[in-house]
Amino acid sequence: GANSSMPHGVPSDKPVADGDFLTMDFGCML
């Protein structure tokens, strides 16, 4: 939702809702 306008936003307790964009930026090391 509105949190996705922050490129480096921190995951919060906000539930995802109908009409939201959900952005997931992630990676792992191997």
PDB file of all heavy atoms in Angstrom:
ATOM      1  N   GLY A   1       0.814  -1.206   0.000  1.00  0.00           N
ATOM      2  CA  GLY A   1       0.000   0.000   0.000  1.00  0.00           C
ATOM      3  C   GLY A   1       0.845   1.252   0.000  1.00  0.00           C
ATOM      4  O   GLY A   1       1.817   1.367  -0.754  1.00  0.00           O
ATOM      5  N   ALA A   2       0.491   2.197   0.864  1.00  0.00           N
ATOM      6  CA  ALA A   2       1.242   3.453   0.939  1.00  0.00           C
ATOM      7  C   ALA A   2       2.686   3.227   1.363  1.00  0.00           C
ATOM      8  O   ALA A   2       3.579   4.002   0.993  1.00  0.00           O
ATOM      9  CB  ALA A   2       0.543   4.421   1.903  1.00  0.00           C
ATOM     10  N   ASN A   3       2.943   2.172   2.111  1.00  0.00           N
ATOM     11  CA  ASN A   3       4.321   1.880   2.532  1.00  0.00           C
ATOM     12  C   ASN A   3       5.222   1.544   1.346  1.00  0.00           C
ATOM     13  O   ASN A   3       6.439   1.706   1.415  1.00  0.00           O
ATOM     14  CB  ASN A   3       4.342   0.713   3.517  1.00  0.00           C
ATOM     15  CG  ASN A   3       3.723   1.053   4.852  1.00  0.00           C
ATOM     16  OD1 ASN A   3       3.546   2.220   5.174  1.00  0.00           O
ATOM     17  ND2 ASN A   3       3.382   0.037   5.634  1.00  0.00           N
ATOM     18  N   SER A   4       4.643   1.057   0.253  1.00  0.00           N
ATOM     19  CA  SER A   4       5.464   0.656  -0.900  1.00  0.00           C
ATOM     20  C   SER A   4       6.050   1.849  -1.639  1.00  0.00           C
ATOM     21  O   SER A   4       6.884   1.675  -2.529  1.00  0.00           O
ATOM     22  CB  SER A   4       4.646  -0.213  -1.860  1.00  0.00           C
ATOM     23  OG  SER A   4       3.571   0.509  -2.432  1.00  0.00           O
ATOM     24  N   SER A   5       5.634   3.067  -1.259  1.00  0.00           N
ATOM     25  CA  SER A   5       6.245   4.254  -1.882  1.00  0.00           C
ATOM     26  C   SER A   5       7.605   4.558  -1.286  1.00  0.00           C
ATOM     27  O   SER A   5       8.302   5.457  -1.764  1.00  0.00           O
ATOM     28  CB  SER A   5       5.323   5.465  -1.724  1.00  0.00           C
ATOM     29  OG  SER A   5       5.281   5.891  -0.368  1.00  0.00           O
ATOM     30  N   MET A   6       8.000   3.814  -0.245  1.00  0.00           N
ATOM     31  CA  MET A   6       9.321   3.992   0.375  1.00  0.00           C
ATOM     32  C   MET A   6      10.250   2.891  -0.132  1.00  0.00           C
ATOM     33  O   MET A   6      10.085   1.725   0.238  1.00  0.00           O
ATOM     34  CB  MET A   6       9.202   3.946   1.901  1.00  0.00           C
ATOM     35  CG  MET A   6       8.392   5.096   2.472  1.00  0.00           C
ATOM     36  SD  MET A   6       8.236   5.059   4.284  1.00  0.00           S
ATOM     37  CE  MET A   6       6.967   3.793   4.486  1.00  0.00           C
ATOM     38  N   PRO A   7      11.222   3.240  -0.989  1.00  0.00           N
ATOM     39  CA  PRO A   7      12.063   2.207  -1.617  1.00  0.00           C
ATOM     40  C   PRO A   7      12.744   1.277  -0.629  1.00  0.00           C
ATOM     41  O   PRO A   7      12.914   0.092  -0.908  1.00  0.00           O
ATOM     42  CB  PRO A   7      13.092   3.030  -2.404  1.00  0.00           C
ATOM     43  CG  PRO A   7      12.390   4.317  -2.696  1.00  0.00           C
ATOM     44  CD  PRO A   7      11.530   4.586  -1.501  1.00  0.00           C
ATOM     45  N   HIS A   8      13.175   1.808   0.511  1.00  0.00           N
ATOM     46  CA  HIS A   8      13.815   0.982   1.533  1.00  0.00           C
ATOM     47  C   HIS A   8      12.973   0.943   2.805  1.00  0.00           C
ATOM     48  O   HIS A   8      13.490   1.015   3.919  1.00  0.00           O
ATOM     49  CB  HIS A   8      15.238   1.475   1.824  1.00  0.00           C
ATOM     50  CG  HIS A   8      16.227   0.999   0.818  1.00  0.00           C
ATOM     51  ND1 HIS A   8      17.586   1.124   0.999  1.00  0.00           N
ATOM     52  CD2 HIS A   8      16.076   0.399  -0.377  1.00  0.00           C
ATOM     53  CE1 HIS A   8      18.226   0.625  -0.056  1.00  0.00           C
ATOM     54  NE2 HIS A   8      17.323   0.177  -0.899  1.00  0.00           N
ATOM     55  N   GLY A   9      11.663   0.793   2.638  1.00  0.00           N
ATOM     56  CA  GLY A   9      10.769   0.689   3.771  1.00  0.00           C
ATOM     57  C   GLY A   9      11.033  -0.575   4.581  1.00  0.00           C
ATOM     58  O   GLY A   9      11.586  -1.552   4.089  1.00  0.00           O
ATOM     59  N   VAL A  10      10.619  -0.537   5.835  1.00  0.00           N
ATOM     60  CA  VAL A  10      10.823  -1.658   6.761  1.00  0.00           C
ATOM     61  C   VAL A  10       9.490  -2.376   6.961  1.00  0.00           C
ATOM     62  O   VAL A  10       8.463  -1.730   7.183  1.00  0.00           O
ATOM     63  CB  VAL A  10      11.368  -1.148   8.108  1.00  0.00           C
ATOM     64  CG1 VAL A  10      11.512  -2.288   9.096  1.00  0.00           C
ATOM     65  CG2 VAL A  10      12.706  -0.439   7.896  1.00  0.00           C
ATOM     66  N   PRO A  11       9.475  -3.715   6.895  1.00  0.00           N
ATOM     67  CA  PRO A  11       8.221  -4.449   7.110  1.00  0.00           C
ATOM     68  C   PRO A  11       7.572  -4.063   8.437  1.00  0.00           C
ATOM     69  O   PRO A  11       8.244  -3.960   9.471  1.00  0.00           O
ATOM     70  CB  PRO A  11       8.664  -5.912   7.107  1.00  0.00           C
ATOM     71  CG  PRO A  11       9.923  -5.936   6.315  1.00  0.00           C
ATOM     72  CD  PRO A  11      10.600  -4.629   6.596  1.00  0.00           C
ATOM     73  N   SER A  12       6.254  -3.876   8.399  1.00  0.00           N
ATOM     74  CA  SER A  12       5.517  -3.428   9.579  1.00  0.00           C
ATOM     75  C   SER A  12       4.415  -4.435   9.906  1.00  0.00           C
ATOM     76  O   SER A  12       4.279  -5.483   9.274  1.00  0.00           O
ATOM     77  CB  SER A  12       4.904  -2.054   9.313  1.00  0.00           C
ATOM     78  OG  SER A  12       3.813  -2.171   8.401  1.00  0.00           O
ATOM     79  N   ASP A  13       3.599  -4.072  10.882  1.00  0.00           N
ATOM     80  CA  ASP A  13       2.457  -4.905  11.264  1.00  0.00           C
ATOM     81  C   ASP A  13       1.238  -4.642  10.394  1.00  0.00           C
ATOM     82  O   ASP A  13       0.156  -5.182  10.653  1.00  0.00           O
ATOM     83  CB  ASP A  13       2.098  -4.661  12.729  1.00  0.00           C
ATOM     84  CG  ASP A  13       3.169  -5.177  13.679  1.00  0.00           C
ATOM     85  OD1 ASP A  13       3.699  -6.281  13.424  1.00  0.00           O
ATOM     86  OD2 ASP A  13       3.497  -4.477  14.656  1.00  0.00           O
ATOM     87  N   LYS A  14       1.397  -3.835   9.355  1.00  0.00           N
ATOM     88  CA  LYS A  14       0.277  -3.528   8.470  1.00  0.00           C
ATOM     89  C   LYS A  14      -0.159  -4.782   7.696  1.00  0.00           C
ATOM     90  O   LYS A  14       0.662  -5.419   7.035  1.00  0.00           O
ATOM     91  CB  LYS A  14       0.678  -2.441   7.469  1.00  0.00           C
ATOM     92  CG  LYS A  14      -0.398  -2.144   6.428  1.00  0.00           C
ATOM     93  CD  LYS A  14       0.129  -1.307   5.283  1.00  0.00           C
ATOM     94  CE  LYS A  14      -0.911  -1.124   4.185  1.00  0.00           C
ATOM     95  NZ  LYS A  14      -1.382  -2.410   3.608  1.00  0.00           N
ATOM     96  N   PRO A  15      -1.448  -5.142   7.738  1.00  0.00           N
ATOM     97  CA  PRO A  15      -1.928  -6.258   6.907  1.00  0.00           C
ATOM     98  C   PRO A  15      -2.043  -5.809   5.446  1.00  0.00           C
ATOM     99  O   PRO A  15      -2.380  -4.657   5.172  1.00  0.00           O
ATOM    100  CB  PRO A  15      -3.311  -6.581   7.486  1.00  0.00           C
ATOM    101  CG  PRO A  15      -3.423  -5.804   8.767  1.00  0.00           C
ATOM    102  CD  PRO A  15      -2.510  -4.627   8.622  1.00  0.00           C
ATOM    103  N   VAL A  16      -1.748  -6.706   4.523  1.00  0.00           N
ATOM    104  CA  VAL A  16      -1.961  -6.365   3.116  1.00  0.00           C
ATOM    105  C   VAL A  16      -3.467  -6.378   2.852  1.00  0.00           C
ATOM    106  O   VAL A  16      -4.210  -7.181   3.426  1.00  0.00           O
ATOM    107  CB  VAL A  16      -1.211  -7.326   2.171  1.00  0.00           C
ATOM    108  CG1 VAL A  16       0.280  -7.270   2.412  1.00  0.00           C
ATOM    109  CG2 VAL A  16      -1.711  -8.754   2.298  1.00  0.00           C
ATOM    110  N   ALA A  17      -3.897  -5.477   1.971  1.00  0.00           N
ATOM    111  CA  ALA A  17      -5.329  -5.296   1.738  1.00  0.00           C
ATOM    112  C   ALA A  17      -5.631  -5.276   0.248  1.00  0.00           C
ATOM    113  O   ALA A  17      -4.747  -5.031  -0.585  1.00  0.00           O
ATOM    114  CB  ALA A  17      -5.803  -4.001   2.400  1.00  0.00           C
ATOM    115  N   ASP A  18      -6.869  -5.521  -0.077  1.00  0.00           N
ATOM    116  CA  ASP A  18      -7.320  -5.474  -1.462  1.00  0.00           C
ATOM    117  C   ASP A  18      -6.994  -4.109  -2.059  1.00  0.00           C
ATOM    118  O   ASP A  18      -7.235  -3.070  -1.442  1.00  0.00           O
ATOM    119  CB  ASP A  18      -8.835  -5.719  -1.519  1.00  0.00           C
ATOM    120  CG  ASP A  18      -9.353  -5.736  -2.942  1.00  0.00           C
ATOM    121  OD1 ASP A  18      -9.111  -6.734  -3.647  1.00  0.00           O
ATOM    122  OD2 ASP A  18      -9.989  -4.739  -3.356  1.00  0.00           O
ATOM    123  N   GLY A  19      -6.416  -4.105  -3.246  1.00  0.00           N
ATOM    124  CA  GLY A  19      -6.043  -2.864  -3.919  1.00  0.00           C
ATOM    125  C   GLY A  19      -4.640  -2.385  -3.620  1.00  0.00           C
ATOM    126  O   GLY A  19      -4.209  -1.355  -4.153  1.00  0.00           O
ATOM    127  N   ASP A  20      -3.907  -3.122  -2.775  1.00  0.00           N
ATOM    128  CA  ASP A  20      -2.515  -2.773  -2.471  1.00  0.00           C
ATOM    129  C   ASP A  20      -1.566  -3.283  -3.544  1.00  0.00           C
ATOM    130  O   ASP A  20      -1.787  -4.353  -4.125  1.00  0.00           O
ATOM    131  CB  ASP A  20      -2.055  -3.413  -1.155  1.00  0.00           C
ATOM    132  CG  ASP A  20      -2.513  -2.664   0.078  1.00  0.00           C
ATOM    133  OD1 ASP A  20      -3.060  -1.558  -0.053  1.00  0.00           O
ATOM    134  OD2 ASP A  20      -2.313  -3.208   1.192  1.00  0.00           O
ATOM    135  N   PHE A  21      -0.489  -2.536  -3.754  1.00  0.00           N
ATOM    136  CA  PHE A  21       0.719  -3.109  -4.329  1.00  0.00           C
ATOM    137  C   PHE A  21       1.540  -3.662  -3.167  1.00  0.00           C
ATOM    138  O   PHE A  21       1.613  -3.048  -2.092  1.00  0.00           O
ATOM    139  CB  PHE A  21       1.547  -2.065  -5.069  1.00  0.00           C
ATOM    140  CG  PHE A  21       1.305  -1.994  -6.548  1.00  0.00           C
ATOM    141  CD1 PHE A  21       1.221  -0.757  -7.198  1.00  0.00           C
ATOM    142  CD2 PHE A  21       1.187  -3.151  -7.313  1.00  0.00           C
ATOM    143  CE1 PHE A  21       1.003  -0.686  -8.567  1.00  0.00           C
ATOM    144  CE2 PHE A  21       0.969  -3.089  -8.691  1.00  0.00           C
ATOM    145  CZ  PHE A  21       0.875  -1.859  -9.312  1.00  0.00           C
ATOM    146  N   LEU A  22       2.171  -4.803  -3.367  1.00  0.00           N
ATOM    147  CA  LEU A  22       3.079  -5.387  -2.383  1.00  0.00           C
ATOM    148  C   LEU A  22       4.435  -5.547  -3.055  1.00  0.00           C
ATOM    149  O   LEU A  22       4.564  -6.298  -4.027  1.00  0.00           O
ATOM    150  CB  LEU A  22       2.560  -6.742  -1.906  1.00  0.00           C
ATOM    151  CG  LEU A  22       3.502  -7.559  -1.009  1.00  0.00           C
ATOM    152  CD1 LEU A  22       3.720  -6.855   0.331  1.00  0.00           C
ATOM    153  CD2 LEU A  22       2.959  -8.967  -0.791  1.00  0.00           C
ATOM    154  N   THR A  23       5.435  -4.822  -2.550  1.00  0.00           N
ATOM    155  CA  THR A  23       6.781  -4.891  -3.100  1.00  0.00           C
ATOM    156  C   THR A  23       7.664  -5.720  -2.180  1.00  0.00           C
ATOM    157  O   THR A  23       7.710  -5.482  -0.973  1.00  0.00           O
ATOM    158  CB  THR A  23       7.382  -3.480  -3.265  1.00  0.00           C
ATOM    159  OG1 THR A  23       6.612  -2.758  -4.223  1.00  0.00           O
ATOM    160  CG2 THR A  23       8.821  -3.553  -3.766  1.00  0.00           C
ATOM    161  N   MET A  24       8.359  -6.688  -2.770  1.00  0.00           N
ATOM    162  CA  MET A  24       9.259  -7.565  -2.024  1.00  0.00           C
ATOM    163  C   MET A  24      10.644  -7.499  -2.651  1.00  0.00           C
ATOM    164  O   MET A  24      10.840  -7.912  -3.789  1.00  0.00           O
ATOM    165  CB  MET A  24       8.738  -9.009  -2.050  1.00  0.00           C
ATOM    166  CG  MET A  24       7.407  -9.194  -1.354  1.00  0.00           C
ATOM    167  SD  MET A  24       6.663 -10.836  -1.672  1.00  0.00           S
ATOM    168  CE  MET A  24       6.097 -10.609  -3.380  1.00  0.00           C
ATOM    169  N   ASP A  25      11.601  -6.945  -1.905  1.00  0.00           N
ATOM    170  CA  ASP A  25      12.998  -6.821  -2.329  1.00  0.00           C
ATOM    171  C   ASP A  25      13.813  -7.674  -1.369  1.00  0.00           C
ATOM    172  O   ASP A  25      13.828  -7.425  -0.160  1.00  0.00           O
ATOM    173  CB  ASP A  25      13.425  -5.352  -2.262  1.00  0.00           C
ATOM    174  CG  ASP A  25      14.819  -5.108  -2.828  1.00  0.00           C
ATOM    175  OD1 ASP A  25      15.593  -6.078  -2.981  1.00  0.00           O
ATOM    176  OD2 ASP A  25      15.151  -3.935  -3.099  1.00  0.00           O
ATOM    177  N   PHE A  26      14.494  -8.689  -1.885  1.00  0.00           N
ATOM    178  CA  PHE A  26      15.116  -9.670  -1.006  1.00  0.00           C
ATOM    179  C   PHE A  26      16.249 -10.380  -1.740  1.00  0.00           C
ATOM    180  O   PHE A  26      16.400 -10.279  -2.955  1.00  0.00           O
ATOM    181  CB  PHE A  26      14.078 -10.692  -0.531  1.00  0.00           C
ATOM    182  CG  PHE A  26      13.394 -11.418  -1.663  1.00  0.00           C
ATOM    183  CD1 PHE A  26      13.815 -12.672  -2.065  1.00  0.00           C
ATOM    184  CD2 PHE A  26      12.334 -10.836  -2.346  1.00  0.00           C
ATOM    185  CE1 PHE A  26      13.209 -13.331  -3.125  1.00  0.00           C
ATOM    186  CE2 PHE A  26      11.721 -11.483  -3.411  1.00  0.00           C
ATOM    187  CZ  PHE A  26      12.165 -12.740  -3.797  1.00  0.00           C
ATOM    188  N   GLY A  27      17.032 -11.119  -0.981  1.00  0.00           N
ATOM    189  CA  GLY A  27      18.119 -11.901  -1.563  1.00  0.00           C
ATOM    190  C   GLY A  27      18.795 -12.697  -0.477  1.00  0.00           C
ATOM    191  O   GLY A  27      18.638 -12.430   0.710  1.00  0.00           O
ATOM    192  N   CYS A  28      19.573 -13.679  -0.896  1.00  0.00           N
ATOM    193  CA  CYS A  28      20.271 -14.523   0.064  1.00  0.00           C
ATOM    194  C   CYS A  28      21.708 -14.733  -0.390  1.00  0.00           C
ATOM    195  O   CYS A  28      22.066 -14.437  -1.532  1.00  0.00           O
ATOM    196  CB  CYS A  28      19.565 -15.866   0.216  1.00  0.00           C
ATOM    197  SG  CYS A  28      19.498 -16.855  -1.310  1.00  0.00           S
ATOM    198  N   MET A  29      22.518 -15.258   0.527  1.00  0.00           N
ATOM    199  CA  MET A  29      23.914 -15.546   0.238  1.00  0.00           C
ATOM    200  C   MET A  29      24.133 -17.052   0.206  1.00  0.00           C
ATOM    201  O   MET A  29      23.598 -17.783   1.036  1.00  0.00           O
ATOM    202  CB  MET A  29      24.832 -14.900   1.268  1.00  0.00           C
ATOM    203  CG  MET A  29      24.780 -13.393   1.253  1.00  0.00           C
ATOM    204  SD  MET A  29      26.010 -12.639   2.352  1.00  0.00           S
ATOM    205  CE  MET A  29      27.512 -12.916   1.404  1.00  0.00           C
ATOM    206  N   LEU A  30      24.921 -17.483  -0.757  1.00  0.00           N
ATOM    207  CA  LEU A  30      25.311 -18.875  -0.882  1.00  0.00           C
ATOM    208  C   LEU A  30      26.794 -18.915  -1.228  1.00  0.00           C
ATOM    209  O   LEU A  30      27.218 -18.293  -2.204  1.00  0.00           O
ATOM    210  CB  LEU A  30      24.492 -19.571  -1.969  1.00  0.00           C
ATOM    211  CG  LEU A  30      24.789 -21.059  -2.178  1.00  0.00           C
ATOM    212  CD1 LEU A  30      24.336 -21.871  -0.968  1.00  0.00           C
ATOM    213  CD2 LEU A  30      24.096 -21.580  -3.434  1.00  0.00           C
TER     214      LEU A  30
END
